[in-house]
Amino acid sequence: MLGFSLIVLTTCIFIALFFLLVTKDLAKKIQVSGVIINLLLLLILTFGFFMGRPEFVDIVLVFLLLNLVGLMGFLRILKYGKVGVSSKELINKSTLND
């Protein structure tokens, strides 16, 4: 079971690395780097869980949440130029109105 999960996660990491190298869009590259970080953290969590050390769970969850918040903030800065965007500005600058 450990071998199968490690093979699946490393395969997903290599697919994401390939997509990171192939894509030209900066926002997609940032998102794929977040996916790679999440997959690496899941790899660490899986390895720690199968080795009988479940204390990695809380550390990995904190890093996953920090990665999610950081990516959302960085992509918001990339798209709107600032973090504090009101809901009216989001409606006015939505992708439907472009």
PDB file of N, CA and C in Angstrom:
ATOM      1  N   MET A   1       0.815  -1.189   0.000  1.00  0.00           N
ATOM      2  CA  MET A   1       0.000   0.000   0.000  1.00  0.00           C
ATOM      3  C   MET A   1       0.867   1.264   0.000  1.00  0.00           C
ATOM      4  N   LEU A   2       1.929   1.243   0.771  1.00  0.00           N
ATOM      5  CA  LEU A   2       2.821   2.396   0.807  1.00  0.00           C
ATOM      6  C   LEU A   2       3.475   2.616  -0.555  1.00  0.00           C
ATOM      7  N   GLY A   3       3.922   1.539  -1.160  1.00  0.00           N
ATOM      8  CA  GLY A   3       4.569   1.652  -2.467  1.00  0.00           C
ATOM      9  C   GLY A   3       3.638   2.209  -3.519  1.00  0.00           C
ATOM     10  N   PHE A   4       2.397   1.735  -3.518  1.00  0.00           N
ATOM     11  CA  PHE A   4       1.427   2.209  -4.501  1.00  0.00           C
ATOM     12  C   PHE A   4       1.141   3.696  -4.328  1.00  0.00           C
ATOM     13  N   SER A   5       0.932   4.122  -3.084  1.00  0.00           N
ATOM     14  CA  SER A   5       0.625   5.536  -2.853  1.00  0.00           C
ATOM     15  C   SER A   5       1.820   6.422  -3.178  1.00  0.00           C
ATOM     16  N   LEU A   6       3.040   5.957  -2.894  1.00  0.00           N
ATOM     17  CA  LEU A   6       4.224   6.740  -3.240  1.00  0.00           C
ATOM     18  C   LEU A   6       4.398   6.843  -4.751  1.00  0.00           C
ATOM     19  N   ILE A   7       4.114   5.750  -5.462  1.00  0.00           N
ATOM     20  CA  ILE A   7       4.210   5.770  -6.924  1.00  0.00           C
ATOM     21  C   ILE A   7       3.176   6.717  -7.524  1.00  0.00           C
ATOM     22  N   VAL A   8       1.950   6.686  -7.018  1.00  0.00           N
ATOM     23  CA  VAL A   8       0.900   7.562  -7.537  1.00  0.00           C
ATOM     24  C   VAL A   8       1.245   9.030  -7.277  1.00  0.00           C
ATOM     25  N   LEU A   9       1.697   9.343  -6.063  1.00  0.00           N
ATOM     26  CA  LEU A   9       2.030  10.736  -5.744  1.00  0.00           C
ATOM     27  C   LEU A   9       3.224  11.240  -6.542  1.00  0.00           C
ATOM     28  N   THR A  10       4.253  10.412  -6.704  1.00  0.00           N
ATOM     29  CA  THR A  10       5.409  10.863  -7.490  1.00  0.00           C
ATOM     30  C   THR A  10       5.050  11.015  -8.970  1.00  0.00           C
ATOM     31  N   THR A  11       4.168  10.153  -9.476  1.00  0.00           N
ATOM     32  CA  THR A  11       3.708  10.300 -10.850  1.00  0.00           C
ATOM     33  C   THR A  11       2.952  11.615 -11.027  1.00  0.00           C
ATOM     34  N   CYS A  12       2.092  11.946 -10.071  1.00  0.00           N
ATOM     35  CA  CYS A  12       1.369  13.217 -10.134  1.00  0.00           C
ATOM     36  C   CYS A  12       2.323  14.404 -10.051  1.00  0.00           C
ATOM     37  N   ILE A  13       3.366  14.289  -9.234  1.00  0.00           N
ATOM     38  CA  ILE A  13       4.357  15.365  -9.120  1.00  0.00           C
ATOM     39  C   ILE A  13       5.081  15.559 -10.448  1.00  0.00           C
ATOM     40  N   PHE A  14       5.463  14.460 -11.108  1.00  0.00           N
ATOM     41  CA  PHE A  14       6.156  14.586 -12.384  1.00  0.00           C
ATOM     42  C   PHE A  14       5.247  15.145 -13.478  1.00  0.00           C
ATOM     43  N   ILE A  15       3.973  14.793 -13.458  1.00  0.00           N
ATOM     44  CA  ILE A  15       3.028  15.365 -14.418  1.00  0.00           C
ATOM     45  C   ILE A  15       2.887  16.868 -14.187  1.00  0.00           C
ATOM     46  N   ALA A  16       2.811  17.269 -12.914  1.00  0.00           N
ATOM     47  CA  ALA A  16       2.707  18.694 -12.604  1.00  0.00           C
ATOM     48  C   ALA A  16       3.992  19.434 -12.978  1.00  0.00           C
ATOM     49  N   LEU A  17       5.153  18.813 -12.774  1.00  0.00           N
ATOM     50  CA  LEU A  17       6.411  19.429 -13.181  1.00  0.00           C
ATOM     51  C   LEU A  17       6.477  19.609 -14.700  1.00  0.00           C
ATOM     52  N   PHE A  18       6.006  18.620 -15.430  1.00  0.00           N
ATOM     53  CA  PHE A  18       5.958  18.734 -16.887  1.00  0.00           C
ATOM     54  C   PHE A  18       5.054  19.880 -17.313  1.00  0.00           C
ATOM     55  N   PHE A  19       3.881  19.980 -16.675  1.00  0.00           N
ATOM     56  CA  PHE A  19       2.961  21.062 -16.994  1.00  0.00           C
ATOM     57  C   PHE A  19       3.564  22.416 -16.628  1.00  0.00           C
ATOM     58  N   LEU A  20       4.332  22.461 -15.543  1.00  0.00           N
ATOM     59  CA  LEU A  20       4.995  23.698 -15.138  1.00  0.00           C
ATOM     60  C   LEU A  20       6.007  24.143 -16.177  1.00  0.00           C
ATOM     61  N   LEU A  21       6.717  23.202 -16.761  1.00  0.00           N
ATOM     62  CA  LEU A  21       7.711  23.542 -17.769  1.00  0.00           C
ATOM     63  C   LEU A  21       7.090  23.886 -19.116  1.00  0.00           C
ATOM     64  N   VAL A  22       5.934  23.322 -19.427  1.00  0.00           N
ATOM     65  CA  VAL A  22       5.319  23.505 -20.742  1.00  0.00           C
ATOM     66  C   VAL A  22       4.500  24.790 -20.822  1.00  0.00           C
ATOM     67  N   THR A  23       3.790  25.138 -19.772  1.00  0.00           N
ATOM     68  CA  THR A  23       2.871  26.273 -19.832  1.00  0.00           C
ATOM     69  C   THR A  23       3.613  27.605 -19.887  1.00  0.00           C
ATOM     70  N   LYS A  24       2.973  28.577 -20.513  1.00  0.00           N
ATOM     71  CA  LYS A  24       3.572  29.901 -20.687  1.00  0.00           C
ATOM     72  C   LYS A  24       2.956  30.945 -19.752  1.00  0.00           C
ATOM     73  N   ASP A  25       1.732  30.719 -19.292  1.00  0.00           N
ATOM     74  CA  ASP A  25       1.012  31.693 -18.479  1.00  0.00           C
ATOM     75  C   ASP A  25       1.571  31.717 -17.055  1.00  0.00           C
ATOM     76  N   LEU A  26       1.827  32.920 -16.546  1.00  0.00           N
ATOM     77  CA  LEU A  26       2.420  33.062 -15.221  1.00  0.00           C
ATOM     78  C   LEU A  26       1.470  32.613 -14.123  1.00  0.00           C
ATOM     79  N   ALA A  27       0.189  32.926 -14.241  1.00  0.00           N
ATOM     80  CA  ALA A  27      -0.777  32.534 -13.221  1.00  0.00           C
ATOM     81  C   ALA A  27      -0.897  31.006 -13.135  1.00  0.00           C
ATOM     82  N   LYS A  28      -0.884  30.342 -14.285  1.00  0.00           N
ATOM     83  CA  LYS A  28      -0.949  28.878 -14.271  1.00  0.00           C
ATOM     84  C   LYS A  28       0.308  28.270 -13.674  1.00  0.00           C
ATOM     85  N   LYS A  29       1.463  28.893 -13.933  1.00  0.00           N
ATOM     86  CA  LYS A  29       2.704  28.401 -13.339  1.00  0.00           C
ATOM     87  C   LYS A  29       2.672  28.524 -11.824  1.00  0.00           C
ATOM     88  N   ILE A  30       2.104  29.613 -11.325  1.00  0.00           N
ATOM     89  CA  ILE A  30       1.997  29.796  -9.882  1.00  0.00           C
ATOM     90  C   ILE A  30       1.048  28.764  -9.287  1.00  0.00           C
ATOM     91  N   GLN A  31      -0.062  28.506  -9.959  1.00  0.00           N
ATOM     92  CA  GLN A  31      -1.008  27.512  -9.472  1.00  0.00           C
ATOM     93  C   GLN A  31      -0.406  26.113  -9.482  1.00  0.00           C
ATOM     94  N   VAL A  32       0.334  25.788 -10.524  1.00  0.00           N
ATOM     95  CA  VAL A  32       0.957  24.465 -10.605  1.00  0.00           C
ATOM     96  C   VAL A  32       2.037  24.315  -9.531  1.00  0.00           C
ATOM     97  N   SER A  33       2.752  25.400  -9.226  1.00  0.00           N
ATOM     98  CA  SER A  33       3.739  25.305  -8.145  1.00  0.00           C
ATOM     99  C   SER A  33       3.046  25.043  -6.819  1.00  0.00           C
ATOM    100  N   GLY A  34       1.868  25.616  -6.618  1.00  0.00           N
ATOM    101  CA  GLY A  34       1.091  25.314  -5.416  1.00  0.00           C
ATOM    102  C   GLY A  34       0.641  23.868  -5.372  1.00  0.00           C
ATOM    103  N   VAL A  35       0.257  23.337  -6.525  1.00  0.00           N
ATOM    104  CA  VAL A  35      -0.127  21.920  -6.598  1.00  0.00           C
ATOM    105  C   VAL A  35       1.065  21.022  -6.268  1.00  0.00           C
ATOM    106  N   ILE A  36       2.237  21.373  -6.778  1.00  0.00           N
ATOM    107  CA  ILE A  36       3.436  20.575  -6.506  1.00  0.00           C
ATOM    108  C   ILE A  36       3.764  20.602  -5.015  1.00  0.00           C
ATOM    109  N   ILE A  37       3.643  21.775  -4.397  1.00  0.00           N
ATOM    110  CA  ILE A  37       3.892  21.866  -2.954  1.00  0.00           C
ATOM    111  C   ILE A  37       2.886  21.017  -2.189  1.00  0.00           C
ATOM    112  N   ASN A  38       1.612  21.059  -2.579  1.00  0.00           N
ATOM    113  CA  ASN A  38       0.603  20.243  -1.911  1.00  0.00           C
ATOM    114  C   ASN A  38       0.887  18.754  -2.077  1.00  0.00           C
ATOM    115  N   LEU A  39       1.303  18.348  -3.264  1.00  0.00           N
ATOM    116  CA  LEU A  39       1.612  16.929  -3.484  1.00  0.00           C
ATOM    117  C   LEU A  39       2.836  16.490  -2.684  1.00  0.00           C
ATOM    118  N   LEU A  40       3.834  17.349  -2.582  1.00  0.00           N
ATOM    119  CA  LEU A  40       5.000  17.014  -1.764  1.00  0.00           C
ATOM    120  C   LEU A  40       4.629  16.889  -0.294  1.00  0.00           C
ATOM    121  N   LEU A  41       3.751  17.777   0.170  1.00  0.00           N
ATOM    122  CA  LEU A  41       3.306  17.668   1.559  1.00  0.00           C
ATOM    123  C   LEU A  41       2.495  16.398   1.785  1.00  0.00           C
ATOM    124  N   LEU A  42       1.665  16.020   0.821  1.00  0.00           N
ATOM    125  CA  LEU A  42       0.933  14.759   0.940  1.00  0.00           C
ATOM    126  C   LEU A  42       1.872  13.559   0.900  1.00  0.00           C
ATOM    127  N   LEU A  43       2.952  13.676   0.138  1.00  0.00           N
ATOM    128  CA  LEU A  43       3.956  12.615   0.108  1.00  0.00           C
ATOM    129  C   LEU A  43       4.618  12.470   1.474  1.00  0.00           C
ATOM    130  N   ILE A  44       4.968  13.590   2.091  1.00  0.00           N
ATOM    131  CA  ILE A  44       5.554  13.554   3.435  1.00  0.00           C
ATOM    132  C   ILE A  44       4.562  12.986   4.431  1.00  0.00           C
ATOM    133  N   LEU A  45       3.296  13.394   4.326  1.00  0.00           N
ATOM    134  CA  LEU A  45       2.269  12.890   5.232  1.00  0.00           C
ATOM    135  C   LEU A  45       2.061  11.390   5.071  1.00  0.00           C
ATOM    136  N   THR A  46       2.017  10.928   3.839  1.00  0.00           N
ATOM    137  CA  THR A  46       1.833   9.498   3.579  1.00  0.00           C
ATOM    138  C   THR A  46       3.003   8.685   4.113  1.00  0.00           C
ATOM    139  N   PHE A  47       4.204   9.172   3.861  1.00  0.00           N
ATOM    140  CA  PHE A  47       5.383   8.455   4.334  1.00  0.00           C
ATOM    141  C   PHE A  47       5.427   8.419   5.861  1.00  0.00           C
ATOM    142  N   GLY A  48       5.122   9.531   6.499  1.00  0.00           N
ATOM    143  CA  GLY A  48       5.108   9.562   7.963  1.00  0.00           C
ATOM    144  C   GLY A  48       4.012   8.699   8.554  1.00  0.00           C
ATOM    145  N   PHE A  49       2.848   8.681   7.906  1.00  0.00           N
ATOM    146  CA  PHE A  49       1.743   7.872   8.417  1.00  0.00           C
ATOM    147  C   PHE A  49       2.049   6.383   8.333  1.00  0.00           C
ATOM    148  N   PHE A  50       2.637   5.949   7.228  1.00  0.00           N
ATOM    149  CA  PHE A  50       2.933   4.529   7.078  1.00  0.00           C
ATOM    150  C   PHE A  50       4.141   4.098   7.893  1.00  0.00           C
ATOM    151  N   MET A  51       4.977   5.030   8.309  1.00  0.00           N
ATOM    152  CA  MET A  51       6.108   4.691   9.170  1.00  0.00           C
ATOM    153  C   MET A  51       5.735   4.738  10.649  1.00  0.00           C
ATOM    154  N   GLY A  52       4.481   5.005  10.939  1.00  0.00           N
ATOM    155  CA  GLY A  52       4.023   4.990  12.325  1.00  0.00           C
ATOM    156  C   GLY A  52       4.290   6.281  13.076  1.00  0.00           C
ATOM    157  N   ARG A  53       4.435   7.386  12.378  1.00  0.00           N
ATOM    158  CA  ARG A  53       4.672   8.679  13.014  1.00  0.00           C
ATOM    159  C   ARG A  53       3.589   9.660  12.573  1.00  0.00           C
ATOM    160  N   PRO A  54       2.410   9.575  13.201  1.00  0.00           N
ATOM    161  CA  PRO A  54       1.299  10.436  12.754  1.00  0.00           C
ATOM    162  C   PRO A  54       1.404  11.880  13.250  1.00  0.00           C
ATOM    163  N   GLU A  55       2.493  12.252  13.912  1.00  0.00           N
ATOM    164  CA  GLU A  55       2.614  13.639  14.371  1.00  0.00           C
ATOM    165  C   GLU A  55       2.897  14.601  13.229  1.00  0.00           C
ATOM    166  N   PHE A  56       3.105  14.094  12.023  1.00  0.00           N
ATOM    167  CA  PHE A  56       3.273  14.960  10.866  1.00  0.00           C
ATOM    168  C   PHE A  56       1.956  15.566  10.401  1.00  0.00           C
ATOM    169  N   VAL A  57       0.846  15.034  10.872  1.00  0.00           N
ATOM    170  CA  VAL A  57      -0.463  15.448  10.355  1.00  0.00           C
ATOM    171  C   VAL A  57      -0.712  16.926  10.622  1.00  0.00           C
ATOM    172  N   ASP A  58      -0.505  17.390  11.841  1.00  0.00           N
ATOM    173  CA  ASP A  58      -0.809  18.783  12.147  1.00  0.00           C
ATOM    174  C   ASP A  58       0.138  19.739  11.432  1.00  0.00           C
ATOM    175  N   ILE A  59       1.393  19.369  11.288  1.00  0.00           N
ATOM    176  CA  ILE A  59       2.353  20.223  10.591  1.00  0.00           C
ATOM    177  C   ILE A  59       1.989  20.328   9.112  1.00  0.00           C
ATOM    178  N   VAL A  60       1.640  19.216   8.506  1.00  0.00           N
ATOM    179  CA  VAL A  60       1.274  19.221   7.086  1.00  0.00           C
ATOM    180  C   VAL A  60      -0.007  20.013   6.860  1.00  0.00           C
ATOM    181  N   LEU A  61      -0.982  19.886   7.754  1.00  0.00           N
ATOM    182  CA  LEU A  61      -2.223  20.654   7.595  1.00  0.00           C
ATOM    183  C   LEU A  61      -1.971  22.153   7.690  1.00  0.00           C
ATOM    184  N   VAL A  62      -1.104  22.566   8.597  1.00  0.00           N
ATOM    185  CA  VAL A  62      -0.767  23.990   8.707  1.00  0.00           C
ATOM    186  C   VAL A  62      -0.088  24.471   7.431  1.00  0.00           C
ATOM    187  N   PHE A  63       0.858  23.701   6.911  1.00  0.00           N
ATOM    188  CA  PHE A  63       1.536  24.107   5.681  1.00  0.00           C
ATOM    189  C   PHE A  63       0.593  24.122   4.481  1.00  0.00           C
ATOM    190  N   LEU A  64      -0.352  23.178   4.424  1.00  0.00           N
ATOM    191  CA  LEU A  64      -1.326  23.177   3.333  1.00  0.00           C
ATOM    192  C   LEU A  64      -2.206  24.424   3.380  1.00  0.00           C
ATOM    193  N   LEU A  65      -2.668  24.789   4.565  1.00  0.00           N
ATOM    194  CA  LEU A  65      -3.495  25.991   4.683  1.00  0.00           C
ATOM    195  C   LEU A  65      -2.707  27.266   4.380  1.00  0.00           C
ATOM    196  N   LEU A  66      -1.458  27.332   4.840  1.00  0.00           N
ATOM    197  CA  LEU A  66      -0.625  28.492   4.533  1.00  0.00           C
ATOM    198  C   LEU A  66      -0.353  28.597   3.032  1.00  0.00           C
ATOM    199  N   ASN A  67      -0.147  27.469   2.389  1.00  0.00           N
ATOM    200  CA  ASN A  67       0.071  27.464   0.950  1.00  0.00           C
ATOM    201  C   ASN A  67      -1.172  27.953   0.216  1.00  0.00           C
ATOM    202  N   LEU A  68      -2.336  27.506   0.645  1.00  0.00           N
ATOM    203  CA  LEU A  68      -3.585  27.913   0.010  1.00  0.00           C
ATOM    204  C   LEU A  68      -3.806  29.414   0.161  1.00  0.00           C
ATOM    205  N   VAL A  69      -3.642  29.939   1.362  1.00  0.00           N
ATOM    206  CA  VAL A  69      -3.861  31.364   1.597  1.00  0.00           C
ATOM    207  C   VAL A  69      -2.823  32.200   0.850  1.00  0.00           C
ATOM    208  N   GLY A  70      -1.578  31.758   0.857  1.00  0.00           N
ATOM    209  CA  GLY A  70      -0.533  32.487   0.147  1.00  0.00           C
ATOM    210  C   GLY A  70      -0.755  32.521  -1.348  1.00  0.00           C
ATOM    211  N   LEU A  71      -1.169  31.387  -1.915  1.00  0.00           N
ATOM    212  CA  LEU A  71      -1.443  31.353  -3.359  1.00  0.00           C
ATOM    213  C   LEU A  71      -2.614  32.239  -3.735  1.00  0.00           C
ATOM    214  N   MET A  72      -3.672  32.207  -2.931  1.00  0.00           N
ATOM    215  CA  MET A  72      -4.827  33.043  -3.238  1.00  0.00           C
ATOM    216  C   MET A  72      -4.466  34.519  -3.151  1.00  0.00           C
ATOM    217  N   GLY A  73      -3.686  34.891  -2.145  1.00  0.00           N
ATOM    218  CA  GLY A  73      -3.260  36.280  -2.024  1.00  0.00           C
ATOM    219  C   GLY A  73      -2.363  36.702  -3.165  1.00  0.00           C
ATOM    220  N   PHE A  74      -1.412  35.856  -3.529  1.00  0.00           N
ATOM    221  CA  PHE A  74      -0.490  36.201  -4.609  1.00  0.00           C
ATOM    222  C   PHE A  74      -1.206  36.301  -5.945  1.00  0.00           C
ATOM    223  N   LEU A  75      -2.141  35.401  -6.217  1.00  0.00           N
ATOM    224  CA  LEU A  75      -2.888  35.469  -7.471  1.00  0.00           C
ATOM    225  C   LEU A  75      -3.812  36.678  -7.499  1.00  0.00           C
ATOM    226  N   ARG A  76      -4.328  37.067  -6.334  1.00  0.00           N
ATOM    227  CA  ARG A  76      -5.166  38.265  -6.280  1.00  0.00           C
ATOM    228  C   ARG A  76      -4.329  39.512  -6.569  1.00  0.00           C
ATOM    229  N   ILE A  77      -3.119  39.553  -6.013  1.00  0.00           N
ATOM    230  CA  ILE A  77      -2.222  40.668  -6.308  1.00  0.00           C
ATOM    231  C   ILE A  77      -1.863  40.679  -7.793  1.00  0.00           C
ATOM    232  N   LEU A  78      -1.628  39.494  -8.352  1.00  0.00           N
ATOM    233  CA  LEU A  78      -1.272  39.402  -9.766  1.00  0.00           C
ATOM    234  C   LEU A  78      -2.400  39.899 -10.670  1.00  0.00           C
ATOM    235  N   LYS A  79      -3.649  39.595 -10.304  1.00  0.00           N
ATOM    236  CA  LYS A  79      -4.776  39.962 -11.155  1.00  0.00           C
ATOM    237  C   LYS A  79      -5.231  41.405 -10.927  1.00  0.00           C
ATOM    238  N   TYR A  80      -5.365  41.823  -9.658  1.00  0.00           N
ATOM    239  CA  TYR A  80      -5.956  43.122  -9.363  1.00  0.00           C
ATOM    240  C   TYR A  80      -4.935  44.184  -8.960  1.00  0.00           C
ATOM    241  N   GLY A  81      -3.714  43.794  -8.637  1.00  0.00           N
ATOM    242  CA  GLY A  81      -2.702  44.758  -8.246  1.00  0.00           C
ATOM    243  C   GLY A  81      -2.698  45.098  -6.777  1.00  0.00           C
ATOM    244  N   LYS A  82      -3.664  44.592  -6.020  1.00  0.00           N
ATOM    245  CA  LYS A  82      -3.715  44.829  -4.582  1.00  0.00           C
ATOM    246  C   LYS A  82      -4.483  43.695  -3.913  1.00  0.00           C
ATOM    247  N   VAL A  83      -4.344  43.611  -2.593  1.00  0.00           N
ATOM    248  CA  VAL A  83      -5.014  42.533  -1.858  1.00  0.00           C
ATOM    249  C   VAL A  83      -6.412  42.950  -1.450  1.00  0.00           C
ATOM    250  N   GLY A  84      -6.565  44.168  -0.947  1.00  0.00           N
ATOM    251  CA  GLY A  84      -7.861  44.626  -0.458  1.00  0.00           C
ATOM    252  C   GLY A  84      -8.772  45.045  -1.594  1.00  0.00           C
ATOM    253  N   VAL A  85      -9.509  44.111  -2.156  1.00  0.00           N
ATOM    254  CA  VAL A  85     -10.420  44.396  -3.260  1.00  0.00           C
ATOM    255  C   VAL A  85     -11.841  44.226  -2.747  1.00  0.00           C
ATOM    256  N   SER A  86     -12.673  45.245  -2.958  1.00  0.00           N
ATOM    257  CA  SER A  86     -14.049  45.160  -2.495  1.00  0.00           C
ATOM    258  C   SER A  86     -14.872  44.277  -3.434  1.00  0.00           C
ATOM    259  N   SER A  87     -16.047  43.911  -2.959  1.00  0.00           N
ATOM    260  CA  SER A  87     -16.899  43.043  -3.784  1.00  0.00           C
ATOM    261  C   SER A  87     -17.399  43.777  -5.027  1.00  0.00           C
ATOM    262  N   LYS A  88     -17.579  45.095  -4.945  1.00  0.00           N
ATOM    263  CA  LYS A  88     -18.005  45.849  -6.126  1.00  0.00           C
ATOM    264  C   LYS A  88     -16.925  45.846  -7.193  1.00  0.00           C
ATOM    265  N   GLU A  89     -15.657  45.960  -6.764  1.00  0.00           N
ATOM    266  CA  GLU A  89     -14.556  45.912  -7.727  1.00  0.00           C
ATOM    267  C   GLU A  89     -14.421  44.525  -8.336  1.00  0.00           C
ATOM    268  N   LEU A  90     -14.683  43.476  -7.534  1.00  0.00           N
ATOM    269  CA  LEU A  90     -14.625  42.123  -8.081  1.00  0.00           C
ATOM    270  C   LEU A  90     -15.709  41.904  -9.124  1.00  0.00           C
ATOM    271  N   ILE A  91     -16.903  42.450  -8.891  1.00  0.00           N
ATOM    272  CA  ILE A  91     -17.986  42.307  -9.865  1.00  0.00           C
ATOM    273  C   ILE A  91     -17.660  43.091 -11.131  1.00  0.00           C
ATOM    274  N   ASN A  92     -17.094  44.284 -10.973  1.00  0.00           N
ATOM    275  CA  ASN A  92     -16.765  45.101 -12.139  1.00  0.00           C
ATOM    276  C   ASN A  92     -15.628  44.515 -12.960  1.00  0.00           C
ATOM    277  N   LYS A  93     -14.677  43.825 -12.299  1.00  0.00           N
ATOM    278  CA  LYS A  93     -13.523  43.270 -13.012  1.00  0.00           C
ATOM    279  C   LYS A  93     -13.632  41.764 -13.216  1.00  0.00           C
ATOM    280  N   SER A  94     -14.846  41.235 -13.180  1.00  0.00           N
ATOM    281  CA  SER A  94     -14.985  39.795 -13.344  1.00  0.00           C
ATOM    282  C   SER A  94     -14.633  39.383 -14.763  1.00  0.00           C
ATOM    283  N   THR A  95     -14.354  38.107 -14.923  1.00  0.00           N
ATOM    284  CA  THR A  95     -13.963  37.600 -16.239  1.00  0.00           C
ATOM    285  C   THR A  95     -15.147  37.584 -17.206  1.00  0.00           C
ATOM    286  N   LEU A  96     -16.375  37.642 -16.688  1.00  0.00           N
ATOM    287  CA  LEU A  96     -17.532  37.660 -17.568  1.00  0.00           C
ATOM    288  C   LEU A  96     -17.659  38.996 -18.284  1.00  0.00           C
ATOM    289  N   ASN A  97     -17.195  40.069 -17.639  1.00  0.00           N
ATOM    290  CA  ASN A  97     -17.333  41.394 -18.233  1.00  0.00           C
ATOM    291  C   ASN A  97     -16.165  41.782 -19.112  1.00  0.00           C
ATOM    292  N   ASP A  98     -15.120  40.980 -19.196  1.00  0.00           N
ATOM    293  CA  ASP A  98     -13.914  41.332 -19.985  1.00  0.00           C
ATOM    294  C   ASP A  98     -14.169  41.261 -21.460  1.00  0.00           C
TER     295      ASP A  98
END
